[in-house]
Amino acid sequence: MNPAPIYIGIDIAKDRLDAAQRPGREAWSVSNDERGIADLVARLKTLRPALVVLEATGGIELPLVGALAAVGLPVVVVNPRQTREFARATGRLAKTDAIDAQVLARFAEAVQPALRPLPDAATQELSSLVTRRRQVIEMLTAEKNRLRTTAPAVRDHIKEHILWLERSLSDLDSELGQAIHSSDIWRAQDNLLQSVPGVGPVLSTTLLAELPELGTLNRKEIAALVGVAPLNRDSGTLRGRRTVWGGRSQVRAALYMAALVASRFNPVIRAFYQRLEAAGKPKKVALTACMRKLLTILNAMMHHQTPWQICSTS
């Protein structure tokens, strides 16, 4: 008889990695540094697990993910919301690093999330720049809001910080542009995406960095991955309002702004938006539908490598 497949869950903290194994309840910890990661990878190579699951933790997970992928171990990075809901569904309400590792192992065994291609080093660097740009914009917005209500004694300090943040934002935009144009593949994909009216450098760069699956999935899968697919909320005879949630919030935020522009200047999206408005759909619902339609158009274009001018007239 073949041995039962092994599933591993790893909880990641700044200083420690907690691992758990299913079947069984074996668990162990290593330090979150080069030596600890090397020890963990060596042990997992011996176990030969069917799947290793860990959560996205704002970039702390990247060294471990890279090390696991480098030796061919099947690793999946999942959304923390999925695993917390799974924990609640299975009655695991307490939360410690060791418990989280056990939950992740059990999640891997029960759900078996699909393996997806991991971003390479260049894509990870691009993603880091995109994330930092978003952080700078958030700080810039917060400082501008403070400037309206703050006391005169600190206004000069806030103005200096705003100027510094604006310079940082300009530098980040330059770095992102250089990163895109230094790669023949990215440059071609960027030109393809920006051929669509309403799609600018922000959405294009975000898609390249945060959605490498674009063009490799079907329309339903890509919409669900981003979080713009309508989900049912029915129970018995009750028919609830369809909602969208989950997915990749960074992509969704950039897609929202692009859909807003496209609903005015893109002939296909504008006609779609006007048709939904004429049917009595609320503006927010119509705009969400435009986000989904724009995403599926971009997904098809990337799949077929077809620019907008040809795609829109076919």
C-alpha atoms as a PDB file:
ATOM      1  CA  MET A   1       0.000   0.000   0.000  1.00  0.00           C
ATOM      2  CA  ASN A   2       1.124   3.520  -0.776  1.00  0.00           C
ATOM      3  CA  PRO A   3       1.725   5.675   2.322  1.00  0.00           C
ATOM      4  CA  ALA A   4      -0.798   8.419   3.021  1.00  0.00           C
ATOM      5  CA  PRO A   5       0.217  11.772   1.520  1.00  0.00           C
ATOM      6  CA  ILE A   6       1.744  14.250   3.958  1.00  0.00           C
ATOM      7  CA  TYR A   7       0.484  17.811   4.298  1.00  0.00           C
ATOM      8  CA  ILE A   8       2.475  20.564   6.009  1.00  0.00           C
ATOM      9  CA  GLY A   9       1.272  23.847   7.470  1.00  0.00           C
ATOM     10  CA  ILE A  10       3.761  26.585   8.376  1.00  0.00           C
ATOM     11  CA  ASP A  11       2.930  29.623  10.493  1.00  0.00           C
ATOM     12  CA  ILE A  12       5.350  32.491   9.880  1.00  0.00           C
ATOM     13  CA  ALA A  13       6.403  35.021  12.483  1.00  0.00           C
ATOM     14  CA  LYS A  14       9.211  37.545  12.313  1.00  0.00           C
ATOM     15  CA  ASP A  15      11.582  35.440  14.428  1.00  0.00           C
ATOM     16  CA  ARG A  16      10.154  31.905  14.236  1.00  0.00           C
ATOM     17  CA  LEU A  17       8.619  29.361  11.885  1.00  0.00           C
ATOM     18  CA  ASP A  18       6.130  26.865  13.352  1.00  0.00           C
ATOM     19  CA  ALA A  19       5.433  23.773  11.255  1.00  0.00           C
ATOM     20  CA  ALA A  20       2.808  21.055  11.693  1.00  0.00           C
ATOM     21  CA  GLN A  21       2.209  17.789   9.844  1.00  0.00           C
ATOM     22  CA  ARG A  22      -0.920  15.913   8.798  1.00  0.00           C
ATOM     23  CA  PRO A  23      -1.812  13.088   9.199  1.00  0.00           C
ATOM     24  CA  GLY A  24      -0.734  12.972  12.799  1.00  0.00           C
ATOM     25  CA  ARG A  25       0.027  15.842  15.130  1.00  0.00           C
ATOM     26  CA  GLU A  26       3.788  16.178  14.771  1.00  0.00           C
ATOM     27  CA  ALA A  27       4.952  19.798  15.126  1.00  0.00           C
ATOM     28  CA  TRP A  28       8.260  21.617  15.404  1.00  0.00           C
ATOM     29  CA  SER A  29       9.748  25.121  15.292  1.00  0.00           C
ATOM     30  CA  VAL A  30      12.842  26.699  13.764  1.00  0.00           C
ATOM     31  CA  SER A  31      14.230  30.211  13.755  1.00  0.00           C
ATOM     32  CA  ASN A  32      13.173  32.449  10.887  1.00  0.00           C
ATOM     33  CA  ASP A  33      16.651  33.040   9.512  1.00  0.00           C
ATOM     34  CA  GLU A  34      18.875  31.440   6.880  1.00  0.00           C
ATOM     35  CA  ARG A  35      19.917  28.546   9.121  1.00  0.00           C
ATOM     36  CA  GLY A  36      16.376  27.843  10.329  1.00  0.00           C
ATOM     37  CA  ILE A  37      14.969  27.961   6.808  1.00  0.00           C
ATOM     38  CA  ALA A  38      17.697  25.613   5.571  1.00  0.00           C
ATOM     39  CA  ASP A  39      16.935  23.141   8.380  1.00  0.00           C
ATOM     40  CA  LEU A  40      13.210  23.274   7.647  1.00  0.00           C
ATOM     41  CA  VAL A  41      13.704  22.788   3.908  1.00  0.00           C
ATOM     42  CA  ALA A  42      16.027  19.819   4.521  1.00  0.00           C
ATOM     43  CA  ARG A  43      13.453  18.173   6.790  1.00  0.00           C
ATOM     44  CA  LEU A  44      10.635  18.723   4.317  1.00  0.00           C
ATOM     45  CA  LYS A  45      12.706  17.287   1.466  1.00  0.00           C
ATOM     46  CA  THR A  46      12.989  14.100   3.522  1.00  0.00           C
ATOM     47  CA  LEU A  47       9.233  14.017   4.248  1.00  0.00           C
ATOM     48  CA  ARG A  48       8.347  14.704   0.583  1.00  0.00           C
ATOM     49  CA  PRO A  49       4.965  16.318   1.367  1.00  0.00           C
ATOM     50  CA  ALA A  50       2.139  16.431  -1.140  1.00  0.00           C
ATOM     51  CA  LEU A  51       1.518  20.083  -0.260  1.00  0.00           C
ATOM     52  CA  VAL A  52       2.989  22.831   1.930  1.00  0.00           C
ATOM     53  CA  VAL A  53       0.634  25.664   2.877  1.00  0.00           C
ATOM     54  CA  LEU A  54       1.483  28.990   4.475  1.00  0.00           C
ATOM     55  CA  GLU A  55      -0.199  32.385   4.693  1.00  0.00           C
ATOM     56  CA  ALA A  56       0.677  35.638   2.973  1.00  0.00           C
ATOM     57  CA  THR A  57       2.262  37.796   5.677  1.00  0.00           C
ATOM     58  CA  GLY A  58       3.174  41.032   3.962  1.00  0.00           C
ATOM     59  CA  GLY A  59       6.431  39.772   2.478  1.00  0.00           C
ATOM     60  CA  ILE A  60       7.898  37.989   5.526  1.00  0.00           C
ATOM     61  CA  GLU A  61       7.074  34.693   3.863  1.00  0.00           C
ATOM     62  CA  LEU A  62       9.084  35.343   0.680  1.00  0.00           C
ATOM     63  CA  PRO A  63      12.495  33.928   1.756  1.00  0.00           C
ATOM     64  CA  LEU A  64      10.875  30.680   2.869  1.00  0.00           C
ATOM     65  CA  VAL A  65       8.660  30.432  -0.210  1.00  0.00           C
ATOM     66  CA  GLY A  66      11.692  30.974  -2.438  1.00  0.00           C
ATOM     67  CA  ALA A  67      13.696  28.325  -0.615  1.00  0.00           C
ATOM     68  CA  LEU A  68      10.864  25.770  -0.829  1.00  0.00           C
ATOM     69  CA  ALA A  69      10.229  26.460  -4.507  1.00  0.00           C
ATOM     70  CA  ALA A  70      13.955  26.261  -5.299  1.00  0.00           C
ATOM     71  CA  VAL A  71      14.083  22.589  -4.256  1.00  0.00           C
ATOM     72  CA  GLY A  72      10.829  21.714  -6.006  1.00  0.00           C
ATOM     73  CA  LEU A  73       8.566  21.418  -2.965  1.00  0.00           C
ATOM     74  CA  PRO A  74       4.861  22.066  -3.724  1.00  0.00           C
ATOM     75  CA  VAL A  75       4.134  25.285  -1.812  1.00  0.00           C
ATOM     76  CA  VAL A  76       0.947  27.376  -1.830  1.00  0.00           C
ATOM     77  CA  VAL A  77       0.584  30.828  -0.290  1.00  0.00           C
ATOM     78  CA  VAL A  78      -3.039  31.344   0.806  1.00  0.00           C
ATOM     79  CA  ASN A  79      -5.113  34.311   1.913  1.00  0.00           C
ATOM     80  CA  PRO A  80      -5.219  34.495   5.755  1.00  0.00           C
ATOM     81  CA  ARG A  81      -8.967  35.090   5.616  1.00  0.00           C
ATOM     82  CA  GLN A  82      -9.498  31.642   4.099  1.00  0.00           C
ATOM     83  CA  THR A  83      -7.641  29.882   6.872  1.00  0.00           C
ATOM     84  CA  ARG A  84      -9.244  31.883   9.696  1.00  0.00           C
ATOM     85  CA  GLU A  85     -12.706  31.029   8.384  1.00  0.00           C
ATOM     86  CA  PHE A  86     -11.636  27.398   8.044  1.00  0.00           C
ATOM     87  CA  ALA A  87     -10.411  27.472  11.660  1.00  0.00           C
ATOM     88  CA  ARG A  88     -13.732  28.865  12.894  1.00  0.00           C
ATOM     89  CA  ALA A  89     -15.646  26.289  10.842  1.00  0.00           C
ATOM     90  CA  THR A  90     -13.677  23.478  12.496  1.00  0.00           C
ATOM     91  CA  GLY A  91     -14.066  24.908  16.005  1.00  0.00           C
ATOM     92  CA  ARG A  92     -10.511  26.210  16.397  1.00  0.00           C
ATOM     93  CA  LEU A  93     -11.209  29.560  18.069  1.00  0.00           C
ATOM     94  CA  ALA A  94      -7.952  29.867  20.024  1.00  0.00           C
ATOM     95  CA  LYS A  95      -5.026  31.425  18.196  1.00  0.00           C
ATOM     96  CA  THR A  96      -1.333  30.743  18.790  1.00  0.00           C
ATOM     97  CA  ASP A  97       1.485  30.174  16.326  1.00  0.00           C
ATOM     98  CA  ALA A  98       1.482  26.426  17.015  1.00  0.00           C
ATOM     99  CA  ILE A  99      -2.305  26.202  16.622  1.00  0.00           C
ATOM    100  CA  ASP A 100      -2.153  28.250  13.416  1.00  0.00           C
ATOM    101  CA  ALA A 101       0.388  25.806  11.962  1.00  0.00           C
ATOM    102  CA  GLN A 102      -1.928  22.883  12.791  1.00  0.00           C
ATOM    103  CA  VAL A 103      -4.854  24.704  11.179  1.00  0.00           C
ATOM    104  CA  LEU A 104      -2.810  25.323   8.037  1.00  0.00           C
ATOM    105  CA  ALA A 105      -1.822  21.642   7.843  1.00  0.00           C
ATOM    106  CA  ARG A 106      -5.436  20.588   8.280  1.00  0.00           C
ATOM    107  CA  PHE A 107      -6.499  23.169   5.671  1.00  0.00           C
ATOM    108  CA  ALA A 108      -3.931  21.735   3.245  1.00  0.00           C
ATOM    109  CA  GLU A 109      -5.226  18.208   3.834  1.00  0.00           C
ATOM    110  CA  ALA A 110      -8.936  19.052   3.599  1.00  0.00           C
ATOM    111  CA  VAL A 111      -9.037  21.786   0.949  1.00  0.00           C
ATOM    112  CA  GLN A 112      -5.902  20.985  -1.074  1.00  0.00           C
ATOM    113  CA  PRO A 113      -5.655  24.451  -2.693  1.00  0.00           C
ATOM    114  CA  ALA A 114      -4.425  24.395  -6.272  1.00  0.00           C
ATOM    115  CA  LEU A 115      -0.761  25.031  -6.960  1.00  0.00           C
ATOM    116  CA  ARG A 116      -0.098  28.254  -8.842  1.00  0.00           C
ATOM    117  CA  PRO A 117       3.139  29.410 -10.463  1.00  0.00           C
ATOM    118  CA  LEU A 118       5.132  31.504  -8.001  1.00  0.00           C
ATOM    119  CA  PRO A 119       6.421  34.930  -9.059  1.00  0.00           C
ATOM    120  CA  ASP A 120      10.093  35.061  -9.953  1.00  0.00           C
ATOM    121  CA  ALA A 121      12.590  37.394  -8.273  1.00  0.00           C
ATOM    122  CA  ALA A 122      11.979  40.205 -10.770  1.00  0.00           C
ATOM    123  CA  THR A 123       8.217  40.021 -10.257  1.00  0.00           C
ATOM    124  CA  GLN A 124       8.690  40.045  -6.485  1.00  0.00           C
ATOM    125  CA  GLU A 125      10.794  43.202  -6.769  1.00  0.00           C
ATOM    126  CA  LEU A 126       8.158  44.829  -8.950  1.00  0.00           C
ATOM    127  CA  SER A 127       5.488  43.838  -6.430  1.00  0.00           C
ATOM    128  CA  SER A 128       7.544  45.411  -3.629  1.00  0.00           C
ATOM    129  CA  LEU A 129       7.760  48.690  -5.561  1.00  0.00           C
ATOM    130  CA  VAL A 130       4.008  48.651  -6.223  1.00  0.00           C
ATOM    131  CA  THR A 131       3.315  47.975  -2.531  1.00  0.00           C
ATOM    132  CA  ARG A 132       5.633  50.777  -1.451  1.00  0.00           C
ATOM    133  CA  ARG A 133       3.971  53.186  -3.899  1.00  0.00           C
ATOM    134  CA  ARG A 134       0.592  52.370  -2.377  1.00  0.00           C
ATOM    135  CA  GLN A 135       1.978  52.945   1.129  1.00  0.00           C
ATOM    136  CA  VAL A 136       3.410  56.335   0.137  1.00  0.00           C
ATOM    137  CA  ILE A 137       0.065  57.380  -1.358  1.00  0.00           C
ATOM    138  CA  GLU A 138      -1.704  56.384   1.872  1.00  0.00           C
ATOM    139  CA  MET A 139       0.759  58.418   3.950  1.00  0.00           C
ATOM    140  CA  LEU A 140       0.452  61.360   1.558  1.00  0.00           C
ATOM    141  CA  THR A 141      -3.348  61.303   1.818  1.00  0.00           C
ATOM    142  CA  ALA A 142      -3.186  61.120   5.611  1.00  0.00           C
ATOM    143  CA  GLU A 143      -0.762  64.063   5.850  1.00  0.00           C
ATOM    144  CA  LYS A 144      -2.865  66.218   3.522  1.00  0.00           C
ATOM    145  CA  ASN A 145      -5.921  65.479   5.660  1.00  0.00           C
ATOM    146  CA  ARG A 146      -3.992  66.423   8.824  1.00  0.00           C
ATOM    147  CA  LEU A 147      -2.863  69.694   7.267  1.00  0.00           C
ATOM    148  CA  ARG A 148      -6.475  70.901   7.087  1.00  0.00           C
ATOM    149  CA  THR A 149      -7.091  70.587  10.824  1.00  0.00           C
ATOM    150  CA  THR A 150      -3.709  70.754  12.532  1.00  0.00           C
ATOM    151  CA  ALA A 151      -2.419  73.598  14.698  1.00  0.00           C
ATOM    152  CA  PRO A 152      -0.277  76.291  12.971  1.00  0.00           C
ATOM    153  CA  ALA A 153       2.777  75.286  15.025  1.00  0.00           C
ATOM    154  CA  VAL A 154       3.200  71.959  13.160  1.00  0.00           C
ATOM    155  CA  ARG A 155       1.959  72.895   9.685  1.00  0.00           C
ATOM    156  CA  ASP A 156       5.449  73.585   8.355  1.00  0.00           C
ATOM    157  CA  HIS A 157       6.585  70.131   9.495  1.00  0.00           C
ATOM    158  CA  ILE A 158       3.649  68.487   7.746  1.00  0.00           C
ATOM    159  CA  LYS A 159       4.269  70.505   4.566  1.00  0.00           C
ATOM    160  CA  GLU A 160       7.905  69.381   4.552  1.00  0.00           C
ATOM    161  CA  HIS A 161       6.809  65.767   4.951  1.00  0.00           C
ATOM    162  CA  ILE A 162       4.287  66.142   2.121  1.00  0.00           C
ATOM    163  CA  LEU A 163       7.012  67.471  -0.181  1.00  0.00           C
ATOM    164  CA  TRP A 164       9.273  64.562   0.785  1.00  0.00           C
ATOM    165  CA  LEU A 165       6.482  62.043   0.134  1.00  0.00           C
ATOM    166  CA  GLU A 166       5.701  63.628  -3.238  1.00  0.00           C
ATOM    167  CA  ARG A 167       9.383  63.333  -4.230  1.00  0.00           C
ATOM    168  CA  SER A 168       9.371  59.711  -3.047  1.00  0.00           C
ATOM    169  CA  LEU A 169       6.258  59.010  -5.117  1.00  0.00           C
ATOM    170  CA  SER A 170       7.894  60.524  -8.193  1.00  0.00           C
ATOM    171  CA  ASP A 171      11.036  58.431  -7.618  1.00  0.00           C
ATOM    172  CA  LEU A 172       8.960  55.264  -7.217  1.00  0.00           C
ATOM    173  CA  ASP A 173       7.094  55.976 -10.455  1.00  0.00           C
ATOM    174  CA  SER A 174      10.445  56.362 -12.221  1.00  0.00           C
ATOM    175  CA  GLU A 175      11.738  53.082 -10.755  1.00  0.00           C
ATOM    176  CA  LEU A 176       8.566  51.270 -11.783  1.00  0.00           C
ATOM    177  CA  GLY A 177       8.833  52.643 -15.305  1.00  0.00           C
ATOM    178  CA  GLN A 178      12.462  51.582 -15.543  1.00  0.00           C
ATOM    179  CA  ALA A 179      11.643  48.103 -14.226  1.00  0.00           C
ATOM    180  CA  ILE A 180       8.892  47.648 -16.816  1.00  0.00           C
ATOM    181  CA  HIS A 181      10.932  48.925 -19.746  1.00  0.00           C
ATOM    182  CA  SER A 182      14.067  46.983 -18.811  1.00  0.00           C
ATOM    183  CA  SER A 183      12.248  43.737 -19.642  1.00  0.00           C
ATOM    184  CA  ASP A 184      11.200  43.003 -23.221  1.00  0.00           C
ATOM    185  CA  ILE A 185       8.394  40.731 -21.986  1.00  0.00           C
ATOM    186  CA  TRP A 186       7.024  43.220 -19.455  1.00  0.00           C
ATOM    187  CA  ARG A 187       7.308  46.075 -21.942  1.00  0.00           C
ATOM    188  CA  ALA A 188       5.257  44.139 -24.491  1.00  0.00           C
ATOM    189  CA  GLN A 189       2.647  43.187 -21.878  1.00  0.00           C
ATOM    190  CA  ASP A 190       2.505  46.765 -20.583  1.00  0.00           C
ATOM    191  CA  ASN A 191       1.919  48.095 -24.101  1.00  0.00           C
ATOM    192  CA  LEU A 192      -0.772  45.469 -24.645  1.00  0.00           C
ATOM    193  CA  LEU A 193      -2.623  46.346 -21.428  1.00  0.00           C
ATOM    194  CA  GLN A 194      -2.361  50.098 -21.900  1.00  0.00           C
ATOM    195  CA  SER A 195      -3.806  49.839 -25.408  1.00  0.00           C
ATOM    196  CA  VAL A 196      -7.202  49.588 -23.671  1.00  0.00           C
ATOM    197  CA  PRO A 197      -8.897  52.967 -23.091  1.00  0.00           C
ATOM    198  CA  GLY A 198      -9.093  53.492 -19.333  1.00  0.00           C
ATOM    199  CA  VAL A 199      -6.045  51.367 -18.498  1.00  0.00           C
ATOM    200  CA  GLY A 200      -3.085  53.456 -17.394  1.00  0.00           C
ATOM    201  CA  PRO A 201       0.346  52.725 -15.925  1.00  0.00           C
ATOM    202  CA  VAL A 202      -0.989  52.176 -12.382  1.00  0.00           C
ATOM    203  CA  LEU A 203      -3.361  49.349 -13.310  1.00  0.00           C
ATOM    204  CA  SER A 204      -0.944  47.882 -15.839  1.00  0.00           C
ATOM    205  CA  THR A 205       1.927  47.774 -13.330  1.00  0.00           C
ATOM    206  CA  THR A 206      -0.348  46.414 -10.598  1.00  0.00           C
ATOM    207  CA  LEU A 207      -1.548  43.603 -12.856  1.00  0.00           C
ATOM    208  CA  LEU A 208       1.979  42.668 -13.894  1.00  0.00           C
ATOM    209  CA  ALA A 209       3.176  42.640 -10.281  1.00  0.00           C
ATOM    210  CA  GLU A 210       0.169  41.328  -8.366  1.00  0.00           C
ATOM    211  CA  LEU A 211      -1.688  39.155 -10.900  1.00  0.00           C
ATOM    212  CA  PRO A 212       0.797  36.966 -12.812  1.00  0.00           C
ATOM    213  CA  GLU A 213      -2.079  34.529 -13.506  1.00  0.00           C
ATOM    214  CA  LEU A 214      -3.661  37.040 -15.930  1.00  0.00           C
ATOM    215  CA  GLY A 215      -4.148  35.297 -19.266  1.00  0.00           C
ATOM    216  CA  THR A 216      -3.701  31.785 -17.844  1.00  0.00           C
ATOM    217  CA  LEU A 217      -7.166  31.311 -16.253  1.00  0.00           C
ATOM    218  CA  ASN A 218     -10.687  31.383 -17.649  1.00  0.00           C
ATOM    219  CA  ARG A 219     -12.982  34.368 -17.060  1.00  0.00           C
ATOM    220  CA  LYS A 220     -14.711  32.897 -13.995  1.00  0.00           C
ATOM    221  CA  GLU A 221     -11.448  31.847 -12.355  1.00  0.00           C
ATOM    222  CA  ILE A 222      -9.733  35.217 -12.859  1.00  0.00           C
ATOM    223  CA  ALA A 223     -12.795  37.107 -11.558  1.00  0.00           C
ATOM    224  CA  ALA A 224     -12.915  34.923  -8.445  1.00  0.00           C
ATOM    225  CA  LEU A 225      -9.169  35.272  -7.885  1.00  0.00           C
ATOM    226  CA  VAL A 226      -9.375  39.089  -7.909  1.00  0.00           C
ATOM    227  CA  GLY A 227     -12.624  39.143  -5.935  1.00  0.00           C
ATOM    228  CA  VAL A 228     -15.045  40.650  -8.472  1.00  0.00           C
ATOM    229  CA  ALA A 229     -17.151  37.533  -9.054  1.00  0.00           C
ATOM    230  CA  PRO A 230     -20.690  37.849  -7.609  1.00  0.00           C
ATOM    231  CA  LEU A 231     -21.288  35.333  -4.820  1.00  0.00           C
ATOM    232  CA  ASN A 232     -24.706  33.940  -3.899  1.00  0.00           C
ATOM    233  CA  ARG A 233     -26.201  34.624  -0.454  1.00  0.00           C
ATOM    234  CA  ASP A 234     -29.235  32.305  -0.570  1.00  0.00           C
ATOM    235  CA  SER A 235     -30.805  30.217   2.150  1.00  0.00           C
ATOM    236  CA  GLY A 236     -34.007  28.219   1.698  1.00  0.00           C
ATOM    237  CA  THR A 237     -36.516  30.462  -0.038  1.00  0.00           C
ATOM    238  CA  LEU A 238     -34.516  33.599   0.802  1.00  0.00           C
ATOM    239  CA  ARG A 239     -32.664  35.083  -2.135  1.00  0.00           C
ATOM    240  CA  GLY A 240     -30.034  37.490  -0.907  1.00  0.00           C
ATOM    241  CA  ARG A 241     -28.229  40.205  -2.780  1.00  0.00           C
ATOM    242  CA  ARG A 242     -25.182  38.990  -4.755  1.00  0.00           C
ATOM    243  CA  THR A 243     -21.955  40.409  -3.354  1.00  0.00           C
ATOM    244  CA  VAL A 244     -18.256  40.434  -4.157  1.00  0.00           C
ATOM    245  CA  TRP A 245     -15.568  40.021  -1.520  1.00  0.00           C
ATOM    246  CA  GLY A 246     -12.191  38.460  -0.860  1.00  0.00           C
ATOM    247  CA  GLY A 247      -9.577  38.182  -3.545  1.00  0.00           C
ATOM    248  CA  ARG A 248      -6.642  40.529  -4.113  1.00  0.00           C
ATOM    249  CA  SER A 249      -7.583  43.923  -2.719  1.00  0.00           C
ATOM    250  CA  GLN A 250      -4.631  45.742  -4.319  1.00  0.00           C
ATOM    251  CA  VAL A 251      -5.689  44.612  -7.789  1.00  0.00           C
ATOM    252  CA  ARG A 252      -9.323  45.398  -7.054  1.00  0.00           C
ATOM    253  CA  ALA A 253      -8.512  48.954  -5.922  1.00  0.00           C
ATOM    254  CA  ALA A 254      -6.554  49.698  -9.111  1.00  0.00           C
ATOM    255  CA  LEU A 255      -9.234  48.022 -11.231  1.00  0.00           C
ATOM    256  CA  TYR A 256     -11.932  50.191  -9.634  1.00  0.00           C
ATOM    257  CA  MET A 257     -10.228  53.437 -10.671  1.00  0.00           C
ATOM    258  CA  ALA A 258      -9.635  52.108 -14.185  1.00  0.00           C
ATOM    259  CA  ALA A 259     -13.276  51.016 -14.529  1.00  0.00           C
ATOM    260  CA  LEU A 260     -14.377  54.462 -13.376  1.00  0.00           C
ATOM    261  CA  VAL A 261     -12.378  56.050 -16.200  1.00  0.00           C
ATOM    262  CA  ALA A 262     -13.370  53.360 -18.710  1.00  0.00           C
ATOM    263  CA  SER A 263     -17.083  53.878 -17.970  1.00  0.00           C
ATOM    264  CA  ARG A 264     -16.645  57.344 -19.488  1.00  0.00           C
ATOM    265  CA  PHE A 265     -13.993  56.950 -22.178  1.00  0.00           C
ATOM    266  CA  ASN A 266     -13.945  53.287 -23.241  1.00  0.00           C
ATOM    267  CA  PRO A 267     -16.727  52.727 -25.812  1.00  0.00           C
ATOM    268  CA  VAL A 268     -17.331  49.083 -24.853  1.00  0.00           C
ATOM    269  CA  ILE A 269     -17.340  49.650 -21.085  1.00  0.00           C
ATOM    270  CA  ARG A 270     -19.326  52.893 -21.411  1.00  0.00           C
ATOM    271  CA  ALA A 271     -22.078  51.187 -23.422  1.00  0.00           C
ATOM    272  CA  PHE A 272     -22.136  48.317 -20.906  1.00  0.00           C
ATOM    273  CA  TYR A 273     -22.379  50.735 -17.965  1.00  0.00           C
ATOM    274  CA  GLN A 274     -25.164  52.749 -19.606  1.00  0.00           C
ATOM    275  CA  ARG A 275     -27.102  49.569 -20.372  1.00  0.00           C
ATOM    276  CA  LEU A 276     -26.925  48.500 -16.715  1.00  0.00           C
ATOM    277  CA  GLU A 277     -27.988  51.971 -15.541  1.00  0.00           C
ATOM    278  CA  ALA A 278     -30.931  51.922 -17.931  1.00  0.00           C
ATOM    279  CA  ALA A 279     -31.939  48.546 -16.472  1.00  0.00           C
ATOM    280  CA  GLY A 280     -32.147  50.163 -13.027  1.00  0.00           C
ATOM    281  CA  LYS A 281     -28.934  48.800 -11.541  1.00  0.00           C
ATOM    282  CA  PRO A 282     -27.415  50.920  -8.734  1.00  0.00           C
ATOM    283  CA  LYS A 283     -24.274  52.802  -9.776  1.00  0.00           C
ATOM    284  CA  LYS A 284     -22.065  50.761  -7.455  1.00  0.00           C
ATOM    285  CA  VAL A 285     -23.385  47.470  -8.861  1.00  0.00           C
ATOM    286  CA  ALA A 286     -22.960  48.711 -12.433  1.00  0.00           C
ATOM    287  CA  LEU A 287     -19.408  49.843 -11.760  1.00  0.00           C
ATOM    288  CA  THR A 288     -18.508  46.510 -10.150  1.00  0.00           C
ATOM    289  CA  ALA A 289     -19.847  44.748 -13.235  1.00  0.00           C
ATOM    290  CA  CYS A 290     -17.661  47.052 -15.356  1.00  0.00           C
ATOM    291  CA  MET A 291     -14.641  46.060 -13.255  1.00  0.00           C
ATOM    292  CA  ARG A 292     -15.378  42.411 -13.951  1.00  0.00           C
ATOM    293  CA  LYS A 293     -15.927  43.014 -17.687  1.00  0.00           C
ATOM    294  CA  LEU A 294     -12.729  45.050 -17.989  1.00  0.00           C
ATOM    295  CA  LEU A 295     -10.790  42.324 -16.187  1.00  0.00           C
ATOM    296  CA  THR A 296     -12.147  39.569 -18.453  1.00  0.00           C
ATOM    297  CA  ILE A 297     -11.288  41.647 -21.539  1.00  0.00           C
ATOM    298  CA  LEU A 298      -7.726  42.120 -20.296  1.00  0.00           C
ATOM    299  CA  ASN A 299      -7.510  38.416 -19.429  1.00  0.00           C
ATOM    300  CA  ALA A 300      -8.578  37.428 -22.958  1.00  0.00           C
ATOM    301  CA  MET A 301      -6.177  39.913 -24.528  1.00  0.00           C
ATOM    302  CA  MET A 302      -3.255  38.566 -22.484  1.00  0.00           C
ATOM    303  CA  HIS A 303      -4.228  34.978 -23.314  1.00  0.00           C
ATOM    304  CA  HIS A 304      -4.401  35.604 -27.063  1.00  0.00           C
ATOM    305  CA  GLN A 305      -1.780  38.402 -27.086  1.00  0.00           C
ATOM    306  CA  THR A 306      -4.273  40.514 -29.005  1.00  0.00           C
ATOM    307  CA  PRO A 307      -4.198  44.320 -28.690  1.00  0.00           C
ATOM    308  CA  TRP A 308      -7.342  46.287 -27.959  1.00  0.00           C
ATOM    309  CA  GLN A 309      -7.855  47.670 -31.465  1.00  0.00           C
ATOM    310  CA  ILE A 310      -8.196  44.149 -32.916  1.00  0.00           C
ATOM    311  CA  CYS A 311      -9.963  42.678 -29.860  1.00  0.00           C
ATOM    312  CA  SER A 312     -12.601  45.409 -29.724  1.00  0.00           C
ATOM    313  CA  THR A 313     -13.546  45.065 -33.394  1.00  0.00           C
ATOM    314  CA  SER A 314     -13.553  41.261 -33.595  1.00  0.00           C
END
